[in-house]
Amino acid sequence: MSRILCVVAFAAVLCGCTQERQNQIRREIQNWTGTNGVLEVYAGDKLVKRFLKIDKMRTAYDTDDKLPRSYRYGYGVLDENLNGVADPGEKRVYFEISDYATNYVFFESPH
């Protein structure tokens, strides 16, 4: 019974929020739970790298002044054959991408 009341109360709170606030809540929940993300890196119009099963990408921060750095990083499975599937033998790796020089697309996996 208390679970039902919690769900109803949460739904009522969401209904009272603006669309922007609902989006912020969704992003905060997603930051906490992570996503099944895909990162594709392009050289011109050619796909050159793909990382699968990315939990989250983070912005790097300077250790002294705590300002954001110009790159993002994360962990994902390197899709070596670019088939969109984490095949046996493809390993989870650390990656960094530049905010300025890297052409990339990050999206939630449709699978």
PDB file of N, CA and C in Angstrom:
ATOM      1  N   MET A   1       0.821  -1.191   0.000  1.00  0.00           N
ATOM      2  CA  MET A   1       0.000   0.000   0.000  1.00  0.00           C
ATOM      3  C   MET A   1       0.870   1.264   0.000  1.00  0.00           C
ATOM      4  N   SER A   2       1.943   1.250   0.805  1.00  0.00           N
ATOM      5  CA  SER A   2       2.797   2.437   0.874  1.00  0.00           C
ATOM      6  C   SER A   2       3.536   2.666  -0.445  1.00  0.00           C
ATOM      7  N   ARG A   3       3.849   1.594  -1.172  1.00  0.00           N
ATOM      8  CA  ARG A   3       4.496   1.758  -2.476  1.00  0.00           C
ATOM      9  C   ARG A   3       3.565   2.470  -3.452  1.00  0.00           C
ATOM     10  N   ILE A   4       2.313   2.106  -3.419  1.00  0.00           N
ATOM     11  CA  ILE A   4       1.335   2.735  -4.311  1.00  0.00           C
ATOM     12  C   ILE A   4       1.211   4.216  -3.987  1.00  0.00           C
ATOM     13  N   LEU A   5       1.179   4.548  -2.715  1.00  0.00           N
ATOM     14  CA  LEU A   5       1.090   5.952  -2.314  1.00  0.00           C
ATOM     15  C   LEU A   5       2.320   6.734  -2.756  1.00  0.00           C
ATOM     16  N   CYS A   6       3.504   6.109  -2.668  1.00  0.00           N
ATOM     17  CA  CYS A   6       4.736   6.782  -3.110  1.00  0.00           C
ATOM     18  C   CYS A   6       4.698   7.047  -4.611  1.00  0.00           C
ATOM     19  N   VAL A   7       4.248   6.067  -5.377  1.00  0.00           N
ATOM     20  CA  VAL A   7       4.179   6.240  -6.828  1.00  0.00           C
ATOM     21  C   VAL A   7       3.175   7.328  -7.186  1.00  0.00           C
ATOM     22  N   VAL A   8       2.019   7.327  -6.531  1.00  0.00           N
ATOM     23  CA  VAL A   8       1.005   8.352  -6.793  1.00  0.00           C
ATOM     24  C   VAL A   8       1.528   9.729  -6.411  1.00  0.00           C
ATOM     25  N   ALA A   9       2.210   9.836  -5.282  1.00  0.00           N
ATOM     26  CA  ALA A   9       2.762  11.122  -4.852  1.00  0.00           C
ATOM     27  C   ALA A   9       3.823  11.612  -5.827  1.00  0.00           C
ATOM     28  N   PHE A  10       4.694  10.717  -6.297  1.00  0.00           N
ATOM     29  CA  PHE A  10       5.731  11.088  -7.251  1.00  0.00           C
ATOM     30  C   PHE A  10       5.098  11.554  -8.558  1.00  0.00           C
ATOM     31  N   ALA A  11       4.085  10.855  -9.023  1.00  0.00           N
ATOM     32  CA  ALA A  11       3.388  11.242 -10.259  1.00  0.00           C
ATOM     33  C   ALA A  11       2.727  12.614 -10.093  1.00  0.00           C
ATOM     34  N   ALA A  12       2.158  12.873  -8.928  1.00  0.00           N
ATOM     35  CA  ALA A  12       1.521  14.165  -8.689  1.00  0.00           C
ATOM     36  C   ALA A  12       2.545  15.296  -8.704  1.00  0.00           C
ATOM     37  N   VAL A  13       3.706  15.039  -8.137  1.00  0.00           N
ATOM     38  CA  VAL A  13       4.767  16.046  -8.138  1.00  0.00           C
ATOM     39  C   VAL A  13       5.219  16.330  -9.565  1.00  0.00           C
ATOM     40  N   LEU A  14       5.401  15.283 -10.360  1.00  0.00           N
ATOM     41  CA  LEU A  14       5.825  15.469 -11.746  1.00  0.00           C
ATOM     42  C   LEU A  14       4.796  16.245 -12.557  1.00  0.00           C
ATOM     43  N   CYS A  15       3.533  15.985 -12.334  1.00  0.00           N
ATOM     44  CA  CYS A  15       2.481  16.694 -13.068  1.00  0.00           C
ATOM     45  C   CYS A  15       2.505  18.190 -12.759  1.00  0.00           C
ATOM     46  N   GLY A  16       2.921  18.549 -11.557  1.00  0.00           N
ATOM     47  CA  GLY A  16       2.967  19.944 -11.166  1.00  0.00           C
ATOM     48  C   GLY A  16       4.214  20.671 -11.638  1.00  0.00           C
ATOM     49  N   CYS A  17       5.161  19.947 -12.204  1.00  0.00           N
ATOM     50  CA  CYS A  17       6.414  20.553 -12.659  1.00  0.00           C
ATOM     51  C   CYS A  17       6.300  21.059 -14.093  1.00  0.00           C
ATOM     52  N   THR A  18       7.119  22.040 -14.411  1.00  0.00           N
ATOM     53  CA  THR A  18       7.206  22.496 -15.800  1.00  0.00           C
ATOM     54  C   THR A  18       7.916  21.425 -16.627  1.00  0.00           C
ATOM     55  N   GLN A  19       7.800  21.529 -17.925  1.00  0.00           N
ATOM     56  CA  GLN A  19       8.467  20.564 -18.810  1.00  0.00           C
ATOM     57  C   GLN A  19       9.977  20.602 -18.602  1.00  0.00           C
ATOM     58  N   GLU A  20      10.541  21.786 -18.423  1.00  0.00           N
ATOM     59  CA  GLU A  20      11.981  21.899 -18.210  1.00  0.00           C
ATOM     60  C   GLU A  20      12.387  21.193 -16.912  1.00  0.00           C
ATOM     61  N   ARG A  21      11.625  21.371 -15.856  1.00  0.00           N
ATOM     62  CA  ARG A  21      11.948  20.715 -14.584  1.00  0.00           C
ATOM     63  C   ARG A  21      11.819  19.195 -14.712  1.00  0.00           C
ATOM     64  N   GLN A  22      10.822  18.728 -15.452  1.00  0.00           N
ATOM     65  CA  GLN A  22      10.689  17.293 -15.693  1.00  0.00           C
ATOM     66  C   GLN A  22      11.910  16.755 -16.432  1.00  0.00           C
ATOM     67  N   ASN A  23      12.401  17.517 -17.417  1.00  0.00           N
ATOM     68  CA  ASN A  23      13.603  17.110 -18.144  1.00  0.00           C
ATOM     69  C   ASN A  23      14.815  17.065 -17.215  1.00  0.00           C
ATOM     70  N   GLN A  24      14.930  18.042 -16.319  1.00  0.00           N
ATOM     71  CA  GLN A  24      16.044  18.057 -15.365  1.00  0.00           C
ATOM     72  C   GLN A  24      15.980  16.840 -14.444  1.00  0.00           C
ATOM     73  N   ILE A  25      14.786  16.505 -13.964  1.00  0.00           N
ATOM     74  CA  ILE A  25      14.626  15.338 -13.094  1.00  0.00           C
ATOM     75  C   ILE A  25      15.014  14.071 -13.849  1.00  0.00           C
ATOM     76  N   ARG A  26      14.570  13.963 -15.110  1.00  0.00           N
ATOM     77  CA  ARG A  26      14.905  12.784 -15.917  1.00  0.00           C
ATOM     78  C   ARG A  26      16.413  12.661 -16.103  1.00  0.00           C
ATOM     79  N   ARG A  27      17.094  13.803 -16.376  1.00  0.00           N
ATOM     80  CA  ARG A  27      18.550  13.765 -16.549  1.00  0.00           C
ATOM     81  C   ARG A  27      19.249  13.394 -15.245  1.00  0.00           C
ATOM     82  N   GLU A  28      18.739  13.889 -14.111  1.00  0.00           N
ATOM     83  CA  GLU A  28      19.343  13.561 -12.824  1.00  0.00           C
ATOM     84  C   GLU A  28      19.201  12.075 -12.520  1.00  0.00           C
ATOM     85  N   ILE A  29      18.044  11.510 -12.822  1.00  0.00           N
ATOM     86  CA  ILE A  29      17.839  10.073 -12.618  1.00  0.00           C
ATOM     87  C   ILE A  29      18.753   9.292 -13.547  1.00  0.00           C
ATOM     88  N   GLN A  30      18.848   9.726 -14.801  1.00  0.00           N
ATOM     89  CA  GLN A  30      19.707   9.045 -15.761  1.00  0.00           C
ATOM     90  C   GLN A  30      21.174   9.137 -15.351  1.00  0.00           C
ATOM     91  N   ASN A  31      21.605  10.263 -14.791  1.00  0.00           N
ATOM     92  CA  ASN A  31      22.985  10.391 -14.315  1.00  0.00           C
ATOM     93  C   ASN A  31      23.255   9.424 -13.171  1.00  0.00           C
ATOM     94  N   TRP A  32      22.240   9.167 -12.373  1.00  0.00           N
ATOM     95  CA  TRP A  32      22.402   8.266 -11.242  1.00  0.00           C
ATOM     96  C   TRP A  32      22.395   6.814 -11.698  1.00  0.00           C
ATOM     97  N   THR A  33      21.507   6.472 -12.632  1.00  0.00           N
ATOM     98  CA  THR A  33      21.371   5.085 -13.065  1.00  0.00           C
ATOM     99  C   THR A  33      22.269   4.740 -14.235  1.00  0.00           C
ATOM    100  N   GLY A  34      22.693   5.726 -15.022  1.00  0.00           N
ATOM    101  CA  GLY A  34      23.504   5.463 -16.199  1.00  0.00           C
ATOM    102  C   GLY A  34      22.640   5.136 -17.405  1.00  0.00           C
ATOM    103  N   THR A  35      23.293   4.955 -18.532  1.00  0.00           N
ATOM    104  CA  THR A  35      22.587   4.610 -19.765  1.00  0.00           C
ATOM    105  C   THR A  35      23.341   3.495 -20.460  1.00  0.00           C
ATOM    106  N   ASN A  36      22.717   2.946 -21.470  1.00  0.00           N
ATOM    107  CA  ASN A  36      23.389   1.981 -22.328  1.00  0.00           C
ATOM    108  C   ASN A  36      23.789   2.752 -23.570  1.00  0.00           C
ATOM    109  N   GLY A  37      24.824   3.584 -23.444  1.00  0.00           N
ATOM    110  CA  GLY A  37      25.185   4.518 -24.491  1.00  0.00           C
ATOM    111  C   GLY A  37      26.100   3.948 -25.547  1.00  0.00           C
ATOM    112  N   VAL A  38      26.072   4.617 -26.707  1.00  0.00           N
ATOM    113  CA  VAL A  38      26.944   4.293 -27.833  1.00  0.00           C
ATOM    114  C   VAL A  38      27.647   5.586 -28.222  1.00  0.00           C
ATOM    115  N   LEU A  39      28.957   5.513 -28.418  1.00  0.00           N
ATOM    116  CA  LEU A  39      29.737   6.653 -28.883  1.00  0.00           C
ATOM    117  C   LEU A  39      30.335   6.288 -30.232  1.00  0.00           C
ATOM    118  N   GLU A  40      30.035   7.095 -31.233  1.00  0.00           N
ATOM    119  CA  GLU A  40      30.605   6.899 -32.556  1.00  0.00           C
ATOM    120  C   GLU A  40      31.512   8.077 -32.867  1.00  0.00           C
ATOM    121  N   VAL A  41      32.732   7.786 -33.335  1.00  0.00           N
ATOM    122  CA  VAL A  41      33.720   8.808 -33.670  1.00  0.00           C
ATOM    123  C   VAL A  41      33.907   8.787 -35.183  1.00  0.00           C
ATOM    124  N   TYR A  42      33.869   9.978 -35.780  1.00  0.00           N
ATOM    125  CA  TYR A  42      33.942  10.101 -37.230  1.00  0.00           C
ATOM    126  C   TYR A  42      35.181  10.876 -37.664  1.00  0.00           C
ATOM    127  N   ALA A  43      35.729  10.486 -38.824  1.00  0.00           N
ATOM    128  CA  ALA A  43      36.761  11.249 -39.523  1.00  0.00           C
ATOM    129  C   ALA A  43      36.091  11.695 -40.814  1.00  0.00           C
ATOM    130  N   GLY A  44      35.670  12.951 -40.836  1.00  0.00           N
ATOM    131  CA  GLY A  44      34.835  13.407 -41.949  1.00  0.00           C
ATOM    132  C   GLY A  44      33.490  12.725 -41.855  1.00  0.00           C
ATOM    133  N   ASP A  45      33.092  12.015 -42.913  1.00  0.00           N
ATOM    134  CA  ASP A  45      31.812  11.300 -42.877  1.00  0.00           C
ATOM    135  C   ASP A  45      31.997   9.804 -42.646  1.00  0.00           C
ATOM    136  N   LYS A  46      33.225   9.364 -42.339  1.00  0.00           N
ATOM    137  CA  LYS A  46      33.514   7.945 -42.149  1.00  0.00           C
ATOM    138  C   LYS A  46      33.581   7.593 -40.669  1.00  0.00           C
ATOM    139  N   LEU A  47      32.841   6.559 -40.274  1.00  0.00           N
ATOM    140  CA  LEU A  47      32.889   6.039 -38.911  1.00  0.00           C
ATOM    141  C   LEU A  47      34.223   5.338 -38.698  1.00  0.00           C
ATOM    142  N   VAL A  48      35.000   5.771 -37.690  1.00  0.00           N
ATOM    143  CA  VAL A  48      36.321   5.180 -37.455  1.00  0.00           C
ATOM    144  C   VAL A  48      36.430   4.434 -36.125  1.00  0.00           C
ATOM    145  N   LYS A  49      35.611   4.765 -35.148  1.00  0.00           N
ATOM    146  CA  LYS A  49      35.609   4.074 -33.850  1.00  0.00           C
ATOM    147  C   LYS A  49      34.186   4.048 -33.317  1.00  0.00           C
ATOM    148  N   ARG A  50      33.884   2.971 -32.594  1.00  0.00           N
ATOM    149  CA  ARG A  50      32.586   2.888 -31.910  1.00  0.00           C
ATOM    150  C   ARG A  50      32.822   2.232 -30.552  1.00  0.00           C
ATOM    151  N   PHE A  51      32.230   2.825 -29.518  1.00  0.00           N
ATOM    152  CA  PHE A  51      32.270   2.273 -28.177  1.00  0.00           C
ATOM    153  C   PHE A  51      30.833   1.957 -27.765  1.00  0.00           C
ATOM    154  N   LEU A  52      30.632   0.778 -27.195  1.00  0.00           N
ATOM    155  CA  LEU A  52      29.309   0.311 -26.799  1.00  0.00           C
ATOM    156  C   LEU A  52      29.223   0.172 -25.284  1.00  0.00           C
ATOM    157  N   LYS A  53      28.000   0.062 -24.798  1.00  0.00           N
ATOM    158  CA  LYS A  53      27.728  -0.194 -23.375  1.00  0.00           C
ATOM    159  C   LYS A  53      28.394   0.841 -22.473  1.00  0.00           C
ATOM    160  N   ILE A  54      28.283   2.097 -22.869  1.00  0.00           N
ATOM    161  CA  ILE A  54      28.853   3.181 -22.071  1.00  0.00           C
ATOM    162  C   ILE A  54      27.859   3.538 -20.977  1.00  0.00           C
ATOM    163  N   ASP A  55      28.322   3.497 -19.756  1.00  0.00           N
ATOM    164  CA  ASP A  55      27.468   3.846 -18.628  1.00  0.00           C
ATOM    165  C   ASP A  55      27.228   5.349 -18.614  1.00  0.00           C
ATOM    166  N   LYS A  56      28.280   6.132 -18.615  1.00  0.00           N
ATOM    167  CA  LYS A  56      28.176   7.585 -18.679  1.00  0.00           C
ATOM    168  C   LYS A  56      29.464   8.173 -19.228  1.00  0.00           C
ATOM    169  N   MET A  57      29.333   9.343 -19.803  1.00  0.00           N
ATOM    170  CA  MET A  57      30.508  10.124 -20.192  1.00  0.00           C
ATOM    171  C   MET A  57      30.609  11.282 -19.220  1.00  0.00           C
ATOM    172  N   ARG A  58      31.814  11.549 -18.794  1.00  0.00           N
ATOM    173  CA  ARG A  58      32.019  12.602 -17.801  1.00  0.00           C
ATOM    174  C   ARG A  58      32.912  13.701 -18.381  1.00  0.00           C
ATOM    175  N   THR A  59      32.713  14.899 -17.879  1.00  0.00           N
ATOM    176  CA  THR A  59      33.583  16.015 -18.233  1.00  0.00           C
ATOM    177  C   THR A  59      34.737  16.042 -17.243  1.00  0.00           C
ATOM    178  N   ALA A  60      35.944  16.166 -17.754  1.00  0.00           N
ATOM    179  CA  ALA A  60      37.123  16.230 -16.894  1.00  0.00           C
ATOM    180  C   ALA A  60      37.209  17.612 -16.240  1.00  0.00           C
ATOM    181  N   TYR A  61      37.678  17.646 -15.004  1.00  0.00           N
ATOM    182  CA  TYR A  61      37.853  18.903 -14.273  1.00  0.00           C
ATOM    183  C   TYR A  61      39.295  19.044 -13.815  1.00  0.00           C
ATOM    184  N   ASP A  62      39.781  20.265 -13.814  1.00  0.00           N
ATOM    185  CA  ASP A  62      41.118  20.576 -13.339  1.00  0.00           C
ATOM    186  C   ASP A  62      41.184  20.288 -11.843  1.00  0.00           C
ATOM    187  N   THR A  63      42.292  19.723 -11.395  1.00  0.00           N
ATOM    188  CA  THR A  63      42.409  19.374  -9.977  1.00  0.00           C
ATOM    189  C   THR A  63      42.657  20.591  -9.088  1.00  0.00           C
ATOM    190  N   ASP A  64      43.229  21.675  -9.642  1.00  0.00           N
ATOM    191  CA  ASP A  64      43.534  22.841  -8.817  1.00  0.00           C
ATOM    192  C   ASP A  64      42.369  23.820  -8.732  1.00  0.00           C
ATOM    193  N   ASP A  65      41.875  24.279  -9.873  1.00  0.00           N
ATOM    194  CA  ASP A  65      40.832  25.316  -9.830  1.00  0.00           C
ATOM    195  C   ASP A  65      39.435  24.775 -10.110  1.00  0.00           C
ATOM    196  N   LYS A  66      39.298  23.483 -10.322  1.00  0.00           N
ATOM    197  CA  LYS A  66      37.995  22.816 -10.501  1.00  0.00           C
ATOM    198  C   LYS A  66      37.216  23.307 -11.711  1.00  0.00           C
ATOM    199  N   LEU A  67      37.909  23.875 -12.688  1.00  0.00           N
ATOM    200  CA  LEU A  67      37.248  24.304 -13.920  1.00  0.00           C
ATOM    201  C   LEU A  67      37.162  23.134 -14.892  1.00  0.00           C
ATOM    202  N   PRO A  68      36.114  23.087 -15.716  1.00  0.00           N
ATOM    203  CA  PRO A  68      36.003  21.980 -16.664  1.00  0.00           C
ATOM    204  C   PRO A  68      37.095  22.037 -17.722  1.00  0.00           C
ATOM    205  N   ARG A  69      37.613  20.880 -18.065  1.00  0.00           N
ATOM    206  CA  ARG A  69      38.615  20.774 -19.129  1.00  0.00           C
ATOM    207  C   ARG A  69      37.915  20.516 -20.452  1.00  0.00           C
ATOM    208  N   SER A  70      38.670  20.573 -21.527  1.00  0.00           N
ATOM    209  CA  SER A  70      38.066  20.490 -22.860  1.00  0.00           C
ATOM    210  C   SER A  70      37.996  19.062 -23.397  1.00  0.00           C
ATOM    211  N   TYR A  71      37.828  18.100 -22.502  1.00  0.00           N
ATOM    212  CA  TYR A  71      37.633  16.738 -22.989  1.00  0.00           C
ATOM    213  C   TYR A  71      36.682  15.985 -22.077  1.00  0.00           C
ATOM    214  N   ARG A  72      36.112  14.927 -22.645  1.00  0.00           N
ATOM    215  CA  ARG A  72      35.208  14.049 -21.910  1.00  0.00           C
ATOM    216  C   ARG A  72      35.811  12.660 -21.909  1.00  0.00           C
ATOM    217  N   TYR A  73      35.424  11.850 -20.933  1.00  0.00           N
ATOM    218  CA  TYR A  73      35.995  10.513 -20.831  1.00  0.00           C
ATOM    219  C   TYR A  73      34.954   9.528 -20.326  1.00  0.00           C
ATOM    220  N   GLY A  74      35.261   8.262 -20.477  1.00  0.00           N
ATOM    221  CA  GLY A  74      34.369   7.221 -20.008  1.00  0.00           C
ATOM    222  C   GLY A  74      34.956   5.851 -20.270  1.00  0.00           C
ATOM    223  N   TYR A  75      34.136   4.833 -20.045  1.00  0.00           N
ATOM    224  CA  TYR A  75      34.506   3.448 -20.288  1.00  0.00           C
ATOM    225  C   TYR A  75      33.449   2.817 -21.172  1.00  0.00           C
ATOM    226  N   GLY A  76      33.896   2.028 -22.139  1.00  0.00           N
ATOM    227  CA  GLY A  76      32.962   1.328 -23.003  1.00  0.00           C
ATOM    228  C   GLY A  76      33.657   0.178 -23.702  1.00  0.00           C
ATOM    229  N   VAL A  77      32.857  -0.680 -24.313  1.00  0.00           N
ATOM    230  CA  VAL A  77      33.394  -1.808 -25.074  1.00  0.00           C
ATOM    231  C   VAL A  77      33.781  -1.297 -26.456  1.00  0.00           C
ATOM    232  N   LEU A  78      35.051  -1.461 -26.830  1.00  0.00           N
ATOM    233  CA  LEU A  78      35.529  -1.046 -28.141  1.00  0.00           C
ATOM    234  C   LEU A  78      35.002  -2.019 -29.190  1.00  0.00           C
ATOM    235  N   ASP A  79      34.154  -1.530 -30.081  1.00  0.00           N
ATOM    236  CA  ASP A  79      33.582  -2.337 -31.152  1.00  0.00           C
ATOM    237  C   ASP A  79      34.580  -2.363 -32.302  1.00  0.00           C
ATOM    238  N   GLU A  80      35.522  -3.287 -32.238  1.00  0.00           N
ATOM    239  CA  GLU A  80      36.647  -3.309 -33.183  1.00  0.00           C
ATOM    240  C   GLU A  80      36.212  -3.514 -34.626  1.00  0.00           C
ATOM    241  N   ASN A  81      35.171  -4.322 -34.853  1.00  0.00           N
ATOM    242  CA  ASN A  81      34.738  -4.585 -36.230  1.00  0.00           C
ATOM    243  C   ASN A  81      33.567  -3.703 -36.660  1.00  0.00           C
ATOM    244  N   LEU A  82      33.186  -2.754 -35.822  1.00  0.00           N
ATOM    245  CA  LEU A  82      32.137  -1.767 -36.125  1.00  0.00           C
ATOM    246  C   LEU A  82      30.819  -2.396 -36.553  1.00  0.00           C
ATOM    247  N   ASN A  83      30.471  -3.543 -35.933  1.00  0.00           N
ATOM    248  CA  ASN A  83      29.206  -4.189 -36.280  1.00  0.00           C
ATOM    249  C   ASN A  83      28.065  -3.840 -35.324  1.00  0.00           C
ATOM    250  N   GLY A  84      28.343  -3.015 -34.319  1.00  0.00           N
ATOM    251  CA  GLY A  84      27.297  -2.575 -33.397  1.00  0.00           C
ATOM    252  C   GLY A  84      26.950  -3.571 -32.311  1.00  0.00           C
ATOM    253  N   VAL A  85      27.747  -4.637 -32.182  1.00  0.00           N
ATOM    254  CA  VAL A  85      27.512  -5.679 -31.188  1.00  0.00           C
ATOM    255  C   VAL A  85      28.794  -5.892 -30.393  1.00  0.00           C
ATOM    256  N   ALA A  86      28.648  -6.050 -29.086  1.00  0.00           N
ATOM    257  CA  ALA A  86      29.811  -6.354 -28.242  1.00  0.00           C
ATOM    258  C   ALA A  86      30.109  -7.842 -28.380  1.00  0.00           C
ATOM    259  N   ASP A  87      31.011  -8.173 -29.290  1.00  0.00           N
ATOM    260  CA  ASP A  87      31.353  -9.567 -29.572  1.00  0.00           C
ATOM    261  C   ASP A  87      32.299 -10.115 -28.507  1.00  0.00           C
ATOM    262  N   PRO A  88      32.340 -11.445 -28.373  1.00  0.00           N
ATOM    263  CA  PRO A  88      33.329 -12.046 -27.455  1.00  0.00           C
ATOM    264  C   PRO A  88      34.745 -11.617 -27.864  1.00  0.00           C
ATOM    265  N   GLY A  89      35.540 -11.283 -26.903  1.00  0.00           N
ATOM    266  CA  GLY A  89      36.906 -10.847 -27.179  1.00  0.00           C
ATOM    267  C   GLY A  89      37.053  -9.334 -27.268  1.00  0.00           C
ATOM    268  N   GLU A  90      35.965  -8.600 -27.505  1.00  0.00           N
ATOM    269  CA  GLU A  90      36.037  -7.132 -27.510  1.00  0.00           C
ATOM    270  C   GLU A  90      35.975  -6.663 -26.059  1.00  0.00           C
ATOM    271  N   LYS A  91      36.945  -5.879 -25.663  1.00  0.00           N
ATOM    272  CA  LYS A  91      37.124  -5.541 -24.253  1.00  0.00           C
ATOM    273  C   LYS A  91      36.617  -4.143 -23.905  1.00  0.00           C
ATOM    274  N   ARG A  92      36.322  -3.997 -22.625  1.00  0.00           N
ATOM    275  CA  ARG A  92      35.935  -2.697 -22.078  1.00  0.00           C
ATOM    276  C   ARG A  92      37.207  -1.870 -21.917  1.00  0.00           C
ATOM    277  N   VAL A  93      37.191  -0.639 -22.422  1.00  0.00           N
ATOM    278  CA  VAL A  93      38.380   0.210 -22.407  1.00  0.00           C
ATOM    279  C   VAL A  93      38.016   1.613 -21.921  1.00  0.00           C
ATOM    280  N   TYR A  94      39.025   2.329 -21.496  1.00  0.00           N
ATOM    281  CA  TYR A  94      38.914   3.737 -21.135  1.00  0.00           C
ATOM    282  C   TYR A  94      39.126   4.559 -22.402  1.00  0.00           C
ATOM    283  N   PHE A  95      38.369   5.658 -22.567  1.00  0.00           N
ATOM    284  CA  PHE A  95      38.572   6.532 -23.722  1.00  0.00           C
ATOM    285  C   PHE A  95      38.444   7.990 -23.302  1.00  0.00           C
ATOM    286  N   GLU A  96      39.054   8.851 -24.084  1.00  0.00           N
ATOM    287  CA  GLU A  96      38.935  10.302 -23.933  1.00  0.00           C
ATOM    288  C   GLU A  96      38.650  10.889 -25.297  1.00  0.00           C
ATOM    289  N   ILE A  97      37.790  11.899 -25.342  1.00  0.00           N
ATOM    290  CA  ILE A  97      37.527  12.598 -26.595  1.00  0.00           C
ATOM    291  C   ILE A  97      37.560  14.095 -26.339  1.00  0.00           C
ATOM    292  N   SER A  98      38.091  14.826 -27.301  1.00  0.00           N
ATOM    293  CA  SER A  98      38.188  16.273 -27.200  1.00  0.00           C
ATOM    294  C   SER A  98      36.844  16.904 -27.511  1.00  0.00           C
ATOM    295  N   ASP A  99      36.488  17.933 -26.767  1.00  0.00           N
ATOM    296  CA  ASP A  99      35.255  18.672 -27.063  1.00  0.00           C
ATOM    297  C   ASP A  99      35.386  19.509 -28.328  1.00  0.00           C
ATOM    298  N   TYR A 100      36.609  19.838 -28.718  1.00  0.00           N
ATOM    299  CA  TYR A 100      36.806  20.751 -29.837  1.00  0.00           C
ATOM    300  C   TYR A 100      37.193  20.050 -31.131  1.00  0.00           C
ATOM    301  N   ALA A 101      38.031  19.031 -31.057  1.00  0.00           N
ATOM    302  CA  ALA A 101      38.607  18.460 -32.267  1.00  0.00           C
ATOM    303  C   ALA A 101      37.989  17.136 -32.704  1.00  0.00           C
ATOM    304  N   THR A 102      37.162  16.514 -31.873  1.00  0.00           N
ATOM    305  CA  THR A 102      36.625  15.199 -32.196  1.00  0.00           C
ATOM    306  C   THR A 102      35.194  15.321 -32.700  1.00  0.00           C
ATOM    307  N   ASN A 103      34.947  14.752 -33.884  1.00  0.00           N
ATOM    308  CA  ASN A 103      33.578  14.668 -34.389  1.00  0.00           C
ATOM    309  C   ASN A 103      32.974  13.382 -33.849  1.00  0.00           C
ATOM    310  N   TYR A 104      31.992  13.522 -32.967  1.00  0.00           N
ATOM    311  CA  TYR A 104      31.407  12.331 -32.370  1.00  0.00           C
ATOM    312  C   TYR A 104      29.914  12.495 -32.169  1.00  0.00           C
ATOM    313  N   VAL A 105      29.249  11.347 -32.024  1.00  0.00           N
ATOM    314  CA  VAL A 105      27.827  11.301 -31.700  1.00  0.00           C
ATOM    315  C   VAL A 105      27.692  10.339 -30.530  1.00  0.00           C
ATOM    316  N   PHE A 106      27.011  10.781 -29.480  1.00  0.00           N
ATOM    317  CA  PHE A 106      26.735   9.924 -28.319  1.00  0.00           C
ATOM    318  C   PHE A 106      25.230   9.768 -28.225  1.00  0.00           C
ATOM    319  N   PHE A 107      24.766   8.526 -28.144  1.00  0.00           N
ATOM    320  CA  PHE A 107      23.321   8.289 -28.078  1.00  0.00           C
ATOM    321  C   PHE A 107      23.042   7.023 -27.269  1.00  0.00           C
ATOM    322  N   GLU A 108      21.788   6.900 -26.834  1.00  0.00           N
ATOM    323  CA  GLU A 108      21.369   5.721 -26.113  1.00  0.00           C
ATOM    324  C   GLU A 108      21.163   4.588 -27.102  1.00  0.00           C
ATOM    325  N   SER A 109      21.655   3.409 -26.762  1.00  0.00           N
ATOM    326  CA  SER A 109      21.548   2.265 -27.664  1.00  0.00           C
ATOM    327  C   SER A 109      20.085   1.909 -27.900  1.00  0.00           C
ATOM    328  N   PRO A 110      19.710   1.678 -29.165  1.00  0.00           N
ATOM    329  CA  PRO A 110      18.331   1.283 -29.445  1.00  0.00           C
ATOM    330  C   PRO A 110      18.062  -0.191 -29.124  1.00  0.00           C
ATOM    331  N   HIS A 111      19.105  -0.941 -28.760  1.00  0.00           N
ATOM    332  CA  HIS A 111      18.940  -2.381 -28.482  1.00  0.00           C
ATOM    333  C   HIS A 111      18.835  -2.639 -27.012  1.00  0.00           C
TER     334      HIS A 111
END
